[in-house]
C-alpha atoms as a PDB file:
ATOM      1  CA  MET A   1      25.533  33.206 -13.390  1.00  0.00           C
ATOM      2  CA  PRO A   2      23.050  33.471 -10.502  1.00  0.00           C
ATOM      3  CA  PRO A   3      24.242  35.632  -7.596  1.00  0.00           C
ATOM      4  CA  ARG A   4      23.961  32.762  -5.114  1.00  0.00           C
ATOM      5  CA  SER A   5      26.465  30.644  -7.053  1.00  0.00           C
ATOM      6  CA  ARG A   6      29.443  32.159  -5.230  1.00  0.00           C
ATOM      7  CA  ALA A   7      27.877  31.534  -1.817  1.00  0.00           C
ATOM      8  CA  ALA A   8      27.039  27.962  -2.831  1.00  0.00           C
ATOM      9  CA  ASP A   9      30.597  27.423  -4.058  1.00  0.00           C
ATOM     10  CA  ASP A  10      31.976  28.776  -0.777  1.00  0.00           C
ATOM     11  CA  SER A  11      29.679  26.489   1.220  1.00  0.00           C
ATOM     12  CA  ILE A  12      30.695  23.471  -0.854  1.00  0.00           C
ATOM     13  CA  ALA A  13      34.359  24.442  -0.466  1.00  0.00           C
ATOM     14  CA  VAL A  14      33.815  24.404   3.307  1.00  0.00           C
ATOM     15  CA  LEU A  15      31.729  21.218   3.412  1.00  0.00           C
ATOM     16  CA  PHE A  16      33.826  19.117   1.041  1.00  0.00           C
ATOM     17  CA  PRO A  17      36.975  18.928   3.238  1.00  0.00           C
ATOM     18  CA  LEU A  18      34.759  18.126   6.227  1.00  0.00           C
ATOM     19  CA  VAL A  19      33.193  15.281   4.248  1.00  0.00           C
ATOM     20  CA  LEU A  20      36.639  13.953   3.346  1.00  0.00           C
ATOM     21  CA  LEU A  21      37.795  14.212   6.951  1.00  0.00           C
ATOM     22  CA  ALA A  22      34.695  12.366   8.109  1.00  0.00           C
ATOM     23  CA  GLY A  23      35.466   9.605   5.601  1.00  0.00           C
ATOM     24  CA  LEU A  24      31.998   9.797   4.063  1.00  0.00           C
ATOM     25  CA  ASP A  25      31.019   9.400   0.434  1.00  0.00           C
ATOM     26  CA  PRO A  26      30.671  12.959  -0.942  1.00  0.00           C
ATOM     27  CA  LEU A  27      28.079  12.148  -3.605  1.00  0.00           C
ATOM     28  CA  PRO A  28      25.028  11.468  -1.367  1.00  0.00           C
ATOM     29  CA  ILE A  29      25.998  14.405   0.828  1.00  0.00           C
ATOM     30  CA  PHE A  30      26.273  16.702  -2.193  1.00  0.00           C
ATOM     31  CA  PHE A  31      22.881  15.449  -3.411  1.00  0.00           C
ATOM     32  CA  PHE A  32      21.323  16.094   0.000  1.00  0.00           C
ATOM     33  CA  TYR A  33      23.004  19.502   0.184  1.00  0.00           C
ATOM     34  CA  SER A  34      21.649  20.479  -3.234  1.00  0.00           C
ATOM     35  CA  LEU A  35      18.147  19.472  -2.123  1.00  0.00           C
ATOM     36  CA  VAL A  36      18.491  21.603   1.001  1.00  0.00           C
ATOM     37  CA  MET A  37      19.667  24.561  -1.085  1.00  0.00           C
ATOM     38  CA  LYS A  38      16.626  24.206  -3.356  1.00  0.00           C
ATOM     39  CA  LEU A  39      14.274  24.080  -0.369  1.00  0.00           C
ATOM     40  CA  VAL A  40      15.879  27.037   1.406  1.00  0.00           C
ATOM     41  CA  LEU A  41      16.269  29.170  -1.733  1.00  0.00           C
END
């Protein structure tokens, strides 16, 4: 597995509860987050 997978999992674990608390649909946010991760890394 790539070394950044753990950091990505930790970030998703932090973002996902925030998404649920905000009452937003997690799928578009996850898609946007994955695009940001690809651009940054």
